[in-house]
N, C-alpha and C. Protein backbone atom coordinates (compact mmCIF):
# COMPACT_ATOMS: atom_id res chain seq x y z
N MET A 1 59.73 61.11 -72.66
CA MET A 1 58.35 60.37 -71.73
C MET A 1 58.43 59.45 -72.97
N ALA A 2 58.25 58.16 -72.75
CA ALA A 2 57.99 56.62 -73.15
C ALA A 2 57.21 56.80 -74.20
N GLU A 3 57.48 56.83 -75.71
CA GLU A 3 56.62 56.45 -76.24
C GLU A 3 55.21 55.95 -76.59
N GLN A 4 54.08 56.58 -76.97
CA GLN A 4 52.04 55.80 -76.79
C GLN A 4 52.72 55.04 -77.33
N LYS A 5 51.64 53.86 -77.13
CA LYS A 5 51.52 52.45 -78.64
C LYS A 5 50.36 52.88 -78.58
N ASP A 6 49.63 52.51 -80.54
CA ASP A 6 48.71 52.65 -80.91
C ASP A 6 47.73 51.75 -79.85
N ILE A 7 46.42 52.86 -79.47
CA ILE A 7 45.01 52.99 -79.29
C ILE A 7 45.05 51.36 -78.44
N LYS A 8 45.29 50.55 -80.14
CA LYS A 8 44.59 49.38 -80.36
C LYS A 8 45.43 47.81 -80.16
N ASP A 9 46.91 48.88 -79.53
CA ASP A 9 47.65 47.40 -79.17
C ASP A 9 48.17 47.96 -77.83
N ILE A 10 47.30 47.34 -77.10
CA ILE A 10 47.34 47.76 -75.03
C ILE A 10 47.24 46.32 -75.06
N SER A 11 47.71 45.62 -75.08
CA SER A 11 46.61 44.09 -74.91
C SER A 11 47.94 43.82 -73.66
N GLU A 12 48.77 43.93 -74.20
CA GLU A 12 50.44 43.43 -72.85
C GLU A 12 49.49 44.44 -71.47
N GLU A 13 49.08 45.41 -71.43
CA GLU A 13 49.19 46.43 -70.64
C GLU A 13 47.85 46.07 -69.66
N LEU A 14 46.26 45.31 -70.80
CA LEU A 14 45.27 45.24 -70.12
C LEU A 14 44.90 43.37 -69.35
N ARG A 15 44.50 43.60 -68.38
CA ARG A 15 43.95 42.67 -67.65
C ARG A 15 42.81 42.21 -67.68
N GLY A 16 42.46 40.99 -67.69
CA GLY A 16 41.27 40.64 -67.39
C GLY A 16 40.76 40.33 -65.86
N PHE A 17 39.70 40.49 -65.19
CA PHE A 17 39.54 39.68 -63.98
C PHE A 17 38.17 39.43 -63.23
N TRP A 18 38.56 38.77 -62.86
CA TRP A 18 36.80 38.57 -62.65
C TRP A 18 35.66 37.72 -63.34
N SER A 19 36.49 37.09 -64.44
CA SER A 19 35.43 36.33 -65.39
C SER A 19 34.40 35.98 -65.05
N THR A 20 33.38 35.19 -66.25
CA THR A 20 32.73 34.41 -66.15
C THR A 20 32.81 33.58 -67.43
N PRO A 21 33.02 32.17 -65.76
CA PRO A 21 33.28 31.20 -66.47
C PRO A 21 31.92 30.02 -67.40
N PHE A 22 31.86 30.16 -68.74
CA PHE A 22 31.26 29.34 -70.14
C PHE A 22 32.13 27.60 -70.22
N TYR A 23 31.63 26.71 -69.51
CA TYR A 23 32.04 25.76 -70.01
C TYR A 23 30.52 25.45 -71.28
N ILE A 24 31.89 24.99 -72.65
CA ILE A 24 30.96 24.97 -74.20
C ILE A 24 31.72 23.64 -75.19
N ASN A 25 31.34 22.51 -74.55
CA ASN A 25 31.97 21.46 -75.12
C ASN A 25 30.86 20.31 -76.10
N GLY A 26 31.89 19.86 -76.75
CA GLY A 26 31.02 18.96 -77.62
C GLY A 26 31.20 17.55 -76.67
N VAL A 27 29.74 16.67 -75.98
CA VAL A 27 30.05 15.50 -76.19
C VAL A 27 29.62 14.33 -76.70
N GLY A 28 29.06 14.92 -78.06
CA GLY A 28 28.27 13.89 -78.62
C GLY A 28 26.91 13.79 -78.21
N GLU A 29 26.70 12.66 -78.81
CA GLU A 29 25.50 10.96 -78.31
C GLU A 29 24.89 11.09 -76.48
N ILE A 30 24.42 11.06 -76.33
CA ILE A 30 24.32 10.37 -74.71
C ILE A 30 22.79 10.01 -74.62
N GLU A 31 22.42 9.09 -73.73
CA GLU A 31 21.16 7.95 -74.64
C GLU A 31 20.58 8.69 -73.05
N TYR A 32 19.20 8.43 -73.12
CA TYR A 32 18.05 9.40 -72.60
C TYR A 32 17.17 9.19 -72.51
N LYS A 33 15.84 9.47 -71.61
CA LYS A 33 15.20 8.61 -71.62
C LYS A 33 14.46 9.22 -71.45
N LEU A 34 12.71 9.42 -71.85
CA LEU A 34 11.80 10.51 -72.05
C LEU A 34 10.92 10.44 -70.01
N PRO A 35 10.10 10.67 -70.50
CA PRO A 35 9.15 9.79 -69.31
C PRO A 35 7.87 9.52 -70.35
N GLU A 36 7.27 8.25 -69.71
CA GLU A 36 6.32 6.96 -71.09
C GLU A 36 4.80 7.96 -71.52
N ASN A 37 5.19 8.60 -70.65
CA ASN A 37 3.59 9.74 -71.19
C ASN A 37 3.91 11.29 -71.47
N LEU A 38 4.42 11.20 -72.12
CA LEU A 38 5.15 12.30 -73.18
C LEU A 38 3.78 12.25 -73.91
N VAL A 39 3.54 14.00 -73.93
CA VAL A 39 2.52 14.55 -73.92
C VAL A 39 2.97 15.61 -75.11
N ASP A 40 1.97 16.24 -75.41
CA ASP A 40 1.90 17.83 -76.24
C ASP A 40 1.98 18.53 -75.36
N THR A 41 2.76 19.21 -74.92
CA THR A 41 2.84 20.74 -73.99
C THR A 41 3.51 22.06 -74.69
N LYS A 42 2.96 23.28 -73.27
CA LYS A 42 3.89 24.30 -74.29
C LYS A 42 4.44 24.94 -73.23
N THR A 43 5.26 23.90 -71.77
CA THR A 43 6.41 24.32 -71.39
C THR A 43 6.69 22.65 -71.19
N ASN A 44 8.15 23.50 -70.73
CA ASN A 44 8.76 22.09 -70.42
C ASN A 44 7.74 20.78 -69.08
N LEU A 45 9.34 19.87 -70.20
CA LEU A 45 8.66 18.62 -69.08
C LEU A 45 9.19 17.72 -69.02
N LYS A 46 9.27 17.05 -67.35
CA LYS A 46 10.12 17.10 -66.07
C LYS A 46 10.50 15.66 -66.66
N MET A 47 11.74 15.44 -66.29
CA MET A 47 12.28 13.53 -66.30
C MET A 47 12.51 13.62 -64.97
N ASP A 48 12.73 12.36 -64.78
CA ASP A 48 13.52 11.84 -63.83
C ASP A 48 14.15 11.04 -63.78
N ILE A 49 15.05 12.06 -63.31
CA ILE A 49 16.60 11.75 -62.86
C ILE A 49 17.55 10.44 -63.25
N GLU A 50 16.36 9.90 -61.94
CA GLU A 50 16.95 8.03 -61.93
C GLU A 50 17.08 7.51 -63.13
N ASP A 51 16.37 7.75 -64.28
CA ASP A 51 16.40 7.07 -64.99
C ASP A 51 17.12 7.91 -66.61
N ASN A 52 18.01 8.59 -66.26
CA ASN A 52 18.47 8.98 -66.69
C ASN A 52 20.60 8.69 -66.35
N PRO A 53 21.05 8.49 -65.94
CA PRO A 53 22.05 8.00 -64.98
C PRO A 53 23.18 8.33 -66.07
N LYS A 54 23.11 7.85 -67.78
CA LYS A 54 24.18 8.38 -68.42
C LYS A 54 24.45 10.15 -68.53
N LEU A 55 23.53 10.57 -68.74
CA LEU A 55 23.16 11.99 -68.33
C LEU A 55 23.66 12.87 -67.50
N LYS A 56 23.22 11.58 -66.50
CA LYS A 56 23.18 12.79 -64.85
C LYS A 56 25.40 12.28 -65.22
N GLU A 57 25.66 11.34 -65.03
CA GLU A 57 27.55 11.21 -64.97
C GLU A 57 27.64 12.12 -65.59
N VAL A 58 27.71 12.67 -67.05
CA VAL A 58 28.53 13.56 -68.06
C VAL A 58 28.53 15.04 -67.12
N ILE A 59 27.83 14.57 -67.13
CA ILE A 59 26.62 16.60 -65.59
C ILE A 59 27.58 16.56 -64.91
N PHE A 60 28.16 15.79 -64.43
CA PHE A 60 28.74 16.00 -62.64
C PHE A 60 30.16 15.57 -62.96
N GLU A 61 30.76 15.28 -64.28
CA GLU A 61 31.89 15.06 -64.80
C GLU A 61 32.40 16.46 -65.54
N SER A 62 31.95 16.88 -65.99
CA SER A 62 31.75 18.00 -66.91
C SER A 62 32.39 19.36 -65.38
N VAL A 63 30.87 19.06 -64.50
CA VAL A 63 31.19 20.39 -63.81
C VAL A 63 32.27 19.88 -62.89
N SER A 64 32.81 19.08 -62.25
CA SER A 64 33.85 19.09 -61.73
C SER A 64 34.84 19.37 -62.87
N ARG A 65 34.86 19.24 -64.03
CA ARG A 65 36.35 20.39 -64.70
C ARG A 65 36.29 21.37 -64.90
N ILE A 66 35.40 21.87 -64.35
CA ILE A 66 35.37 23.43 -64.49
C ILE A 66 35.37 23.37 -63.07
N LEU A 67 34.99 23.09 -61.71
CA LEU A 67 35.90 22.91 -60.60
C LEU A 67 36.50 23.03 -60.23
N ASN A 68 37.58 22.10 -60.98
CA ASN A 68 38.79 22.11 -61.24
C ASN A 68 39.81 23.07 -61.73
N ALA A 69 39.32 23.26 -62.84
CA ALA A 69 39.55 24.00 -63.80
C ALA A 69 40.08 26.05 -62.56
N LEU A 70 38.73 26.13 -62.40
CA LEU A 70 38.57 27.12 -61.75
C LEU A 70 39.08 27.88 -60.76
N GLY A 71 39.81 26.06 -59.73
CA GLY A 71 40.93 26.64 -59.03
C GLY A 71 40.33 25.82 -57.33
N PHE A 72 39.09 25.51 -57.82
CA PHE A 72 38.18 24.83 -56.99
C PHE A 72 38.35 23.07 -56.55
N VAL A 73 37.84 23.19 -55.51
CA VAL A 73 38.09 21.27 -55.10
C VAL A 73 36.99 20.47 -55.87
N ASP A 74 37.29 19.74 -56.84
CA ASP A 74 36.46 18.78 -57.87
C ASP A 74 35.72 17.80 -57.11
N ASP A 75 35.86 17.17 -55.74
CA ASP A 75 35.34 16.33 -55.34
C ASP A 75 34.53 15.93 -54.12
N GLN A 76 34.01 17.92 -54.34
CA GLN A 76 32.66 17.95 -53.33
C GLN A 76 31.40 17.45 -54.53
N GLU A 77 30.88 16.73 -53.66
CA GLU A 77 29.00 15.68 -53.15
C GLU A 77 28.58 16.34 -54.59
N LEU A 78 27.87 16.72 -55.94
CA LEU A 78 27.48 17.25 -56.56
C LEU A 78 25.21 16.40 -56.15
N VAL A 79 25.27 17.96 -56.23
CA VAL A 79 23.31 17.13 -56.52
C VAL A 79 22.95 17.55 -57.81
N LEU A 80 22.41 16.96 -58.55
CA LEU A 80 21.31 17.14 -59.78
C LEU A 80 19.76 17.61 -59.04
N ASN A 81 19.63 18.59 -59.04
CA ASN A 81 17.89 19.20 -58.53
C ASN A 81 17.34 19.53 -59.75
N ASP A 82 16.94 19.55 -60.72
CA ASP A 82 16.76 19.22 -61.59
C ASP A 82 16.74 18.99 -62.88
N LEU A 83 16.03 18.45 -64.01
CA LEU A 83 16.21 17.73 -65.28
C LEU A 83 15.06 17.66 -66.19
N TRP A 84 14.75 18.64 -67.79
CA TRP A 84 13.49 18.70 -67.96
C TRP A 84 14.29 19.28 -69.69
N TYR A 85 12.74 18.61 -70.49
CA TYR A 85 13.14 19.07 -71.40
C TYR A 85 12.47 20.19 -72.55
N ASN A 86 12.84 20.86 -72.72
CA ASN A 86 12.49 22.14 -73.77
C ASN A 86 11.62 21.26 -75.37
N LYS A 87 11.01 22.01 -75.23
CA LYS A 87 10.20 22.76 -76.61
C LYS A 87 10.19 23.82 -76.95
N TYR A 88 10.31 24.00 -78.11
CA TYR A 88 9.80 25.28 -78.88
C TYR A 88 10.10 25.47 -79.54
N ASP A 89 8.57 26.39 -80.28
CA ASP A 89 7.58 26.09 -81.67
C ASP A 89 6.42 27.20 -81.82
N GLU A 90 5.78 27.22 -82.27
CA GLU A 90 4.33 27.50 -82.50
C GLU A 90 4.08 28.29 -81.02
N SER A 91 3.46 27.10 -80.37
CA SER A 91 3.47 27.35 -79.26
C SER A 91 4.27 26.89 -78.46
N ARG A 92 5.50 27.79 -78.16
CA ARG A 92 6.38 28.06 -77.68
C ARG A 92 7.51 28.50 -78.06
N PRO A 93 6.89 29.54 -78.29
CA PRO A 93 8.62 30.14 -79.07
C PRO A 93 9.78 31.16 -79.01
N GLU A 94 9.30 30.91 -77.51
CA GLU A 94 10.15 32.26 -76.03
C GLU A 94 10.01 31.50 -75.15
N LEU A 95 11.68 31.84 -74.34
CA LEU A 95 11.59 31.72 -72.98
C LEU A 95 12.13 32.76 -72.38
N SER A 96 11.40 33.68 -71.51
CA SER A 96 11.94 35.36 -71.29
C SER A 96 13.03 35.08 -70.61
N PHE A 97 13.48 36.61 -70.11
CA PHE A 97 14.14 37.01 -68.84
C PHE A 97 14.33 36.64 -68.19
N HIS A 98 15.44 34.88 -67.14
CA HIS A 98 14.97 34.86 -66.06
C HIS A 98 16.36 33.45 -65.24
N TYR A 99 16.76 34.08 -64.39
CA TYR A 99 17.94 32.98 -63.48
C TYR A 99 17.28 31.95 -63.50
N HIS A 100 18.37 31.24 -63.21
CA HIS A 100 17.48 29.34 -62.98
C HIS A 100 18.21 29.83 -60.84
N GLN A 101 17.39 29.45 -59.82
CA GLN A 101 17.06 30.13 -58.36
C GLN A 101 17.57 28.46 -57.49
N ASN A 102 18.48 28.86 -56.34
CA ASN A 102 18.30 28.18 -55.33
C ASN A 102 19.23 26.19 -55.98
N CYS A 103 20.65 26.94 -56.76
CA CYS A 103 21.53 26.15 -58.00
C CYS A 103 22.17 26.60 -57.35
N ALA A 104 23.36 26.03 -58.09
CA ALA A 104 25.02 26.72 -58.46
C ALA A 104 25.59 26.84 -59.48
N TRP A 105 25.09 26.12 -60.14
CA TRP A 105 25.02 25.49 -61.89
C TRP A 105 24.19 25.29 -62.54
N THR A 106 24.01 25.67 -63.79
CA THR A 106 22.28 24.90 -64.46
C THR A 106 23.24 24.68 -65.95
N GLY A 107 21.82 24.39 -66.73
CA GLY A 107 23.24 23.88 -68.17
C GLY A 107 22.31 23.80 -69.52
N THR A 108 22.39 22.97 -70.19
CA THR A 108 21.80 23.04 -71.21
C THR A 108 22.06 21.72 -71.90
N TYR A 109 21.69 20.55 -72.17
CA TYR A 109 22.35 19.50 -73.28
C TYR A 109 21.21 19.86 -74.89
N TYR A 110 21.96 19.32 -75.87
CA TYR A 110 21.88 19.17 -76.90
C TYR A 110 21.80 17.96 -77.96
N PRO A 111 20.67 17.19 -77.80
CA PRO A 111 20.85 16.10 -78.13
C PRO A 111 20.49 15.94 -80.11
N HIS A 112 19.87 16.94 -80.27
CA HIS A 112 19.63 17.27 -81.70
C HIS A 112 19.94 18.30 -82.39
N GLU A 113 19.63 18.67 -83.12
CA GLU A 113 20.08 20.14 -84.25
C GLU A 113 19.03 20.76 -83.32
N THR A 114 19.33 22.42 -83.31
CA THR A 114 18.29 22.76 -82.55
C THR A 114 17.63 23.99 -84.02
N ASN A 115 17.01 24.75 -84.16
CA ASN A 115 16.72 25.77 -84.41
C ASN A 115 15.72 26.70 -83.14
N HIS A 116 16.77 26.97 -82.00
CA HIS A 116 16.63 28.31 -81.54
C HIS A 116 17.50 28.97 -80.76
N VAL A 117 18.01 29.64 -80.36
CA VAL A 117 19.90 31.45 -79.86
C VAL A 117 19.05 31.15 -78.39
N THR A 118 19.76 30.83 -77.14
CA THR A 118 20.25 30.81 -76.50
C THR A 118 20.46 32.71 -76.05
N SER A 119 20.68 33.86 -75.03
CA SER A 119 21.15 35.24 -75.47
C SER A 119 21.49 34.98 -73.90
N PHE A 120 22.31 35.62 -73.60
CA PHE A 120 22.90 35.75 -72.37
C PHE A 120 23.35 36.84 -72.21
N PHE A 121 23.55 37.56 -70.39
CA PHE A 121 23.31 38.72 -70.12
C PHE A 121 24.51 38.71 -68.95
N ASN A 122 25.41 39.77 -69.18
CA ASN A 122 26.04 40.26 -68.59
C ASN A 122 25.61 41.09 -67.14
N PRO A 123 25.68 40.25 -66.29
CA PRO A 123 25.14 40.39 -65.03
C PRO A 123 25.86 41.35 -64.20
N ASN A 124 27.28 42.14 -64.92
CA ASN A 124 27.41 43.70 -64.20
C ASN A 124 26.71 44.56 -65.26
N ALA A 125 26.20 44.36 -66.57
CA ALA A 125 25.91 45.00 -67.68
C ALA A 125 25.75 46.71 -66.32
N GLY A 126 24.63 46.80 -65.44
CA GLY A 126 23.91 47.87 -64.93
C GLY A 126 25.37 48.91 -64.45
N LEU A 127 26.28 48.27 -64.13
CA LEU A 127 27.53 48.79 -63.47
C LEU A 127 28.40 49.64 -64.50
N VAL A 128 28.29 48.53 -65.67
CA VAL A 128 28.73 48.81 -67.00
C VAL A 128 28.78 50.37 -66.93
N VAL A 129 27.06 49.95 -67.53
CA VAL A 129 27.47 51.35 -68.60
C VAL A 129 26.58 52.47 -67.66
N GLN A 130 27.27 52.68 -66.04
CA GLN A 130 26.94 54.00 -65.18
C GLN A 130 28.33 54.18 -65.31
N HIS A 131 29.39 53.27 -65.66
CA HIS A 131 30.67 54.28 -65.25
C HIS A 131 31.36 54.26 -66.98
N PHE A 132 31.06 53.53 -67.39
CA PHE A 132 31.72 54.36 -69.01
C PHE A 132 30.89 54.61 -70.33
N PRO A 133 31.95 55.52 -70.78
CA PRO A 133 30.95 56.38 -72.46
C PRO A 133 30.20 55.49 -72.88
N LYS A 134 29.76 56.05 -74.24
CA LYS A 134 28.86 54.79 -74.98
C LYS A 134 30.02 53.97 -75.32
N GLN A 135 29.20 52.98 -75.71
CA GLN A 135 29.39 52.02 -76.25
C GLN A 135 30.13 52.07 -78.00
N GLN A 136 31.62 51.77 -78.32
CA GLN A 136 32.33 52.00 -80.12
C GLN A 136 31.69 50.66 -80.35
N GLU A 137 32.43 49.66 -79.89
CA GLU A 137 31.71 47.85 -79.75
C GLU A 137 31.90 47.27 -79.60
N ASP A 138 32.39 45.20 -79.61
CA ASP A 138 31.97 44.75 -78.48
C ASP A 138 33.47 44.21 -78.19
N SER A 139 33.93 43.68 -76.73
CA SER A 139 34.79 43.44 -76.16
C SER A 139 34.31 42.63 -74.72
N GLU A 140 36.02 42.02 -74.57
CA GLU A 140 35.41 41.25 -73.39
C GLU A 140 35.29 42.22 -72.41
N TYR A 141 35.21 43.93 -72.62
CA TYR A 141 34.96 44.62 -71.00
C TYR A 141 33.59 45.12 -71.25
N ALA A 142 33.40 45.08 -72.81
CA ALA A 142 32.50 46.30 -73.27
C ALA A 142 30.31 45.44 -73.12
N SER A 143 31.12 43.62 -73.86
CA SER A 143 29.38 42.93 -73.97
C SER A 143 28.73 42.94 -73.10
N GLN A 144 27.41 43.44 -73.78
CA GLN A 144 26.87 43.55 -71.91
C GLN A 144 25.23 41.79 -72.78
N THR A 145 26.07 41.51 -74.18
CA THR A 145 24.78 40.12 -74.23
C THR A 145 25.72 39.50 -75.68
N PHE A 146 26.02 38.55 -75.53
CA PHE A 146 26.52 37.20 -76.82
C PHE A 146 24.98 36.18 -77.12
N HIS A 147 25.22 35.83 -77.87
CA HIS A 147 23.60 34.85 -78.58
C HIS A 147 25.15 33.72 -78.48
N LEU A 148 23.96 32.01 -78.23
CA LEU A 148 24.64 31.07 -78.52
C LEU A 148 23.14 30.56 -79.56
N GLU A 149 23.80 29.60 -81.02
CA GLU A 149 23.83 28.20 -81.18
C GLU A 149 23.94 27.64 -81.02
N PRO A 150 23.31 26.31 -80.89
CA PRO A 150 23.69 25.67 -80.46
C PRO A 150 23.64 24.39 -81.59
N VAL A 151 25.31 23.69 -80.79
CA VAL A 151 25.47 22.83 -82.46
C VAL A 151 24.94 21.22 -81.26
N GLN A 152 24.38 20.00 -81.75
CA GLN A 152 24.21 19.04 -81.01
C GLN A 152 25.57 18.54 -81.08
N GLY A 153 24.88 18.07 -79.83
CA GLY A 153 26.48 17.02 -79.36
C GLY A 153 26.34 17.52 -78.00
N SER A 154 26.42 19.08 -77.91
CA SER A 154 27.51 19.92 -77.20
C SER A 154 26.38 20.37 -75.56
N ILE A 155 27.13 20.63 -74.81
CA ILE A 155 26.68 21.15 -74.26
C ILE A 155 26.82 22.05 -72.95
N VAL A 156 26.48 22.85 -72.21
CA VAL A 156 26.52 24.29 -71.72
C VAL A 156 26.32 24.14 -70.30
N ILE A 157 27.02 24.80 -69.49
CA ILE A 157 26.88 25.45 -68.26
C ILE A 157 27.64 26.22 -67.65
N HIS A 158 26.74 26.79 -67.39
CA HIS A 158 27.28 28.50 -66.59
C HIS A 158 26.87 28.68 -64.86
N PRO A 159 26.96 29.68 -64.35
CA PRO A 159 27.06 29.48 -63.12
C PRO A 159 25.21 30.11 -63.32
N ALA A 160 25.01 29.69 -62.39
CA ALA A 160 23.26 29.90 -62.67
C ALA A 160 22.75 31.08 -62.28
N TYR A 161 23.74 32.11 -61.62
CA TYR A 161 23.27 33.29 -61.33
C TYR A 161 23.56 34.86 -63.10
N ILE A 162 24.04 34.20 -63.74
CA ILE A 162 23.54 33.99 -65.52
C ILE A 162 21.70 35.08 -66.15
N PRO A 163 21.79 35.66 -65.90
CA PRO A 163 20.37 35.66 -66.50
C PRO A 163 20.60 35.63 -68.19
N HIS A 164 19.32 34.88 -68.29
CA HIS A 164 19.44 34.37 -70.12
C HIS A 164 17.84 34.29 -71.04
N THR A 165 17.57 34.20 -72.21
CA THR A 165 16.35 34.05 -73.05
C THR A 165 16.96 32.99 -73.95
N VAL A 166 15.47 32.62 -74.00
CA VAL A 166 15.37 31.38 -75.07
C VAL A 166 14.80 31.72 -76.53
N ARG A 167 15.01 31.72 -78.16
CA ARG A 167 13.86 32.26 -78.75
C ARG A 167 13.89 31.43 -79.97
N TRP A 168 12.72 30.76 -80.55
CA TRP A 168 12.56 30.03 -81.47
C TRP A 168 12.99 30.32 -82.63
N LEU A 169 13.39 30.37 -83.88
CA LEU A 169 14.52 30.75 -85.17
C LEU A 169 12.69 30.05 -86.56
N GLY A 170 11.67 29.51 -85.69
CA GLY A 170 10.93 29.76 -86.71
C GLY A 170 10.92 28.29 -87.50
N GLY A 171 10.44 27.71 -88.22
CA GLY A 171 10.58 26.02 -89.06
C GLY A 171 10.05 25.28 -87.78
N ASN A 172 10.87 24.26 -87.62
CA ASN A 172 11.07 23.19 -87.61
C ASN A 172 10.67 23.23 -85.62
N THR A 173 10.83 22.56 -84.52
CA THR A 173 10.78 22.16 -83.58
C THR A 173 12.17 22.10 -83.20
N SER A 174 12.12 23.08 -82.20
CA SER A 174 13.90 22.27 -80.88
C SER A 174 13.34 22.20 -80.63
N ASN A 175 14.45 21.25 -79.53
CA ASN A 175 14.10 20.69 -78.19
C ASN A 175 15.99 21.06 -77.67
N SER A 176 15.65 20.53 -76.74
CA SER A 176 17.18 20.48 -75.43
C SER A 176 16.72 19.41 -74.14
N ILE A 177 17.90 19.59 -73.34
CA ILE A 177 17.53 19.12 -72.36
C ILE A 177 19.03 19.82 -70.83
N SER A 178 17.69 20.52 -70.11
CA SER A 178 18.33 21.40 -69.47
C SER A 178 18.26 21.17 -68.10
N PHE A 179 19.21 21.59 -67.59
CA PHE A 179 19.45 20.80 -65.67
C PHE A 179 19.83 21.39 -64.94
N ASP A 180 19.99 21.62 -63.30
CA ASP A 180 20.04 22.23 -62.13
C ASP A 180 20.96 21.54 -61.38
N VAL A 181 21.80 21.89 -61.35
CA VAL A 181 23.31 21.35 -60.68
C VAL A 181 23.21 22.15 -59.34
N SER A 182 23.16 21.04 -58.01
CA SER A 182 24.36 22.26 -56.39
C SER A 182 25.45 21.43 -55.90
N TYR A 183 25.57 22.06 -54.83
CA TYR A 183 26.93 20.97 -53.94
C TYR A 183 25.41 20.25 -52.66
N LYS A 184 26.12 19.55 -52.05
CA LYS A 184 25.33 18.89 -51.74
C LYS A 184 25.96 18.47 -49.88
N ALA A 185 25.63 19.50 -48.77
CA ALA A 185 26.62 19.41 -47.68
C ALA A 185 25.46 20.02 -46.07
N PRO A 186 26.15 19.55 -45.18
CA PRO A 186 25.10 20.09 -44.43
C PRO A 186 24.47 21.64 -44.38
N VAL A 187 23.16 21.69 -43.88
CA VAL A 187 22.20 23.00 -43.62
C VAL A 187 23.31 23.55 -42.73
N GLY A 188 23.62 24.84 -43.28
CA GLY A 188 24.88 25.39 -42.85
C GLY A 188 26.30 25.71 -42.76
N CYS A 189 26.24 24.49 -43.71
CA CYS A 189 28.23 24.51 -44.05
C CYS A 189 28.79 25.99 -44.49
N LYS A 190 29.59 26.68 -44.05
CA LYS A 190 30.50 26.86 -44.63
C LYS A 190 31.11 27.13 -45.82
N ASP A 191 31.75 25.63 -46.18
CA ASP A 191 32.26 25.77 -46.99
C ASP A 191 32.11 25.91 -47.91
N PHE A 192 31.03 26.27 -48.95
CA PHE A 192 30.04 25.30 -50.40
C PHE A 192 29.56 26.58 -50.24
N GLY A 193 29.51 27.39 -51.45
CA GLY A 193 28.19 28.87 -51.18
C GLY A 193 27.00 28.39 -51.50
N SER A 194 26.64 27.43 -52.36
CA SER A 194 25.45 26.92 -52.85
C SER A 194 24.72 25.04 -52.16
N TYR A 195 24.40 25.17 -51.58
CA TYR A 195 23.71 23.59 -50.89
C TYR A 195 22.72 22.80 -50.73
N LYS A 196 22.40 22.30 -51.13
CA LYS A 196 20.98 21.46 -51.26
C LYS A 196 21.19 20.30 -50.03
N PRO A 197 20.77 20.24 -48.89
CA PRO A 197 20.45 19.84 -47.76
C PRO A 197 20.73 17.69 -47.32
N GLU A 198 21.27 18.02 -46.98
CA GLU A 198 21.38 16.19 -46.88
C GLU A 198 19.93 15.31 -47.24
């Protein structure tokens, strides 16, 4: 009988499949423009996409890089569905568990030092906890959440089906810019899984 390896030393035998892509990259300072009628708000502030061409360019370049790295076509025309400015402080200390609808990718750019944390949840967690025993420690296969304290000048992009929350850490007001991206194709097109009508 073959000698059994230590239970912690089976990395050569384990393979991870169906991974979820998260793009986290430092892009530095990107020029952006907020609406002129900026007012104190308890919710997010819609930004004019056409007033922010550089930010749009970086978002599209990033999504195209993701698609190429994942083995999909990277020349599919993209649509920036929405762009908005977030504020987290005493008036809006948290954003509850949610998804982004009618888009393929969603993400956030962090132009300033932040004072909030975003928590992402494994969309398959319900299946995992039904079929495995009690979790002993976090791993690529057992983790149900991960928490991100973003760095200034970074951009984070992930599939829109990933649920997440945002929590302000107190102290200074914290801001970020979020966006939704879909693919542009005719209605009924089967080439891509998420599209916005022409």
